[in-house]
């Protein structure tokens, strides 16, 4: 094995490990002990105060996820921190093709 291979192989491993760690950290944004969670009723009240119609509240990857409709009647999915009830991600379908749009206005197709 050449000297370059001896240097590049461990470097590639470290880079891959770092990328995997960053992906894992993204999934870890709702790592809140259950004792600190707000009850589902608090989530429902927060949503209704926003003018949203809640179809379903579920738990996904440690976050609350609201499926429902916004004040304008558009289908939406919202990810909520279970302790603070902070909105982490907000997506809604807003065009005739049913593409999802995130809070920043980019469609899912724009992110490919």
Protein backbone atom coordinates (compact mmCIF):
# COMPACT_ATOMS: atom_id res chain seq x y z
CA UNK A 1 0.00 0.00 0.00
CA UNK A 2 1.38 3.41 -0.92
CA UNK A 3 1.85 6.28 1.51
CA UNK A 4 -1.07 8.18 -0.06
CA UNK A 5 -3.42 5.26 0.61
CA UNK A 6 -2.23 5.07 4.21
CA UNK A 7 -3.10 8.75 4.68
CA UNK A 8 -6.28 8.97 2.61
CA UNK A 9 -8.05 5.89 3.97
CA UNK A 10 -8.17 7.08 7.60
CA UNK A 11 -9.00 10.63 6.46
CA UNK A 12 -11.96 9.35 4.41
CA UNK A 13 -13.14 7.36 7.43
CA UNK A 14 -13.01 10.44 9.67
CA UNK A 15 -14.95 12.50 7.11
CA UNK A 16 -17.60 9.78 6.76
CA UNK A 17 -17.89 9.51 10.52
CA UNK A 18 -18.33 13.28 10.81
CA UNK A 19 -21.08 13.30 8.18
CA UNK A 20 -22.91 10.48 9.91
CA UNK A 21 -22.65 12.33 13.22
CA UNK A 22 -24.13 15.49 11.67
CA UNK A 23 -27.05 13.50 10.28
CA UNK A 24 -27.61 11.88 13.66
CA UNK A 25 -27.53 15.27 15.42
CA UNK A 26 -30.27 16.53 13.08
CA UNK A 27 -32.53 13.67 14.19
CA UNK A 28 -31.71 14.44 17.82
CA UNK A 29 -33.37 17.87 17.96
CA UNK A 30 -36.31 16.56 20.02
CA UNK A 31 -34.38 14.56 22.60
CA UNK A 32 -36.43 15.74 25.57
CA UNK A 33 -37.16 13.53 28.59
CA UNK A 34 -40.83 12.52 28.64
CA UNK A 35 -41.18 14.12 32.10
CA UNK A 36 -40.55 17.52 30.45
CA UNK A 37 -43.12 17.13 27.67
CA UNK A 38 -46.17 19.36 27.41
CA UNK A 39 -49.43 17.35 27.21
CA UNK A 40 -51.14 16.79 23.85
CA UNK A 41 -53.93 19.14 24.94
CA UNK A 42 -51.38 21.98 25.20
CA UNK A 43 -50.25 21.19 21.64
CA UNK A 44 -53.87 21.25 20.44
CA UNK A 45 -54.53 24.60 22.18
CA UNK A 46 -51.34 26.11 20.70
CA UNK A 47 -52.41 24.96 17.22
CA UNK A 48 -55.95 26.29 17.60
CA UNK A 49 -54.56 29.64 18.81
CA UNK A 50 -52.70 29.79 15.47
CA UNK A 51 -56.00 29.28 13.64
CA UNK A 52 -55.12 25.71 12.64
CA UNK A 53 -57.59 22.83 12.41
CA UNK A 54 -55.91 19.75 13.89
CA UNK A 55 -56.63 16.42 12.21
CA UNK A 56 -54.02 14.41 14.13
CA UNK A 57 -51.26 14.85 16.68
CA UNK A 58 -48.65 12.11 16.69
CA UNK A 59 -45.15 11.52 17.98
CA UNK A 60 -42.39 11.10 15.41
CA UNK A 61 -38.65 10.92 16.21
CA UNK A 62 -39.27 12.35 19.67
CA UNK A 63 -41.20 15.39 18.37
CA UNK A 64 -44.88 16.17 18.26
CA UNK A 65 -46.14 16.24 14.69
CA UNK A 66 -49.40 17.99 13.83
CA UNK A 67 -51.30 17.03 10.68
CA UNK A 68 -54.11 19.37 9.77
CA UNK A 69 -55.06 22.57 7.98
CA UNK A 70 -53.83 26.12 8.36
CA UNK A 71 -56.10 29.15 8.76
CA UNK A 72 -56.47 29.34 4.95
CA UNK A 73 -57.54 25.70 4.67
CA UNK A 74 -54.25 24.36 3.24
CA UNK A 75 -53.09 20.91 4.30
CA UNK A 76 -50.05 21.19 6.57
CA UNK A 77 -47.60 19.20 8.65
CA UNK A 78 -45.88 20.87 11.60
CA UNK A 79 -43.09 19.47 13.79
CA UNK A 80 -43.12 20.77 17.37
CA UNK A 81 -40.61 20.58 20.22
CA UNK A 82 -42.46 18.62 22.93
CA UNK A 83 -41.12 20.69 25.86
CA UNK A 84 -41.23 24.25 24.52
CA UNK A 85 -43.91 23.82 21.81
CA UNK A 86 -41.54 25.69 19.49
CA UNK A 87 -42.23 25.12 15.78
CA UNK A 88 -39.26 23.25 14.35
CA UNK A 89 -40.57 22.56 10.84
CA UNK A 90 -43.66 23.77 9.01
CA UNK A 91 -44.73 22.37 5.65
CA UNK A 92 -47.91 22.89 3.70
CA UNK A 93 -49.29 21.98 0.31
CA UNK A 94 -50.02 25.21 -1.49
CA UNK A 95 -50.28 24.57 -5.19
CA UNK A 96 -52.37 22.64 -7.65
CA UNK A 97 -49.75 19.87 -7.86
CA UNK A 98 -49.83 19.16 -4.12
CA UNK A 99 -46.11 19.90 -3.67
CA UNK A 100 -45.10 20.54 -0.11
CA UNK A 101 -43.62 23.90 0.77
CA UNK A 102 -41.56 24.53 3.87
CA UNK A 103 -41.65 27.64 6.00
CA UNK A 104 -38.97 29.26 3.80
CA UNK A 105 -41.11 28.87 0.67
CA UNK A 106 -38.93 26.35 -1.16
CA UNK A 107 -40.68 23.33 -2.62
CA UNK A 108 -39.39 19.84 -1.96
CA UNK A 109 -38.33 19.75 -5.61
CA UNK A 110 -36.14 22.84 -5.07
CA UNK A 111 -34.14 20.94 -2.46
CA UNK A 112 -33.21 17.99 -4.71
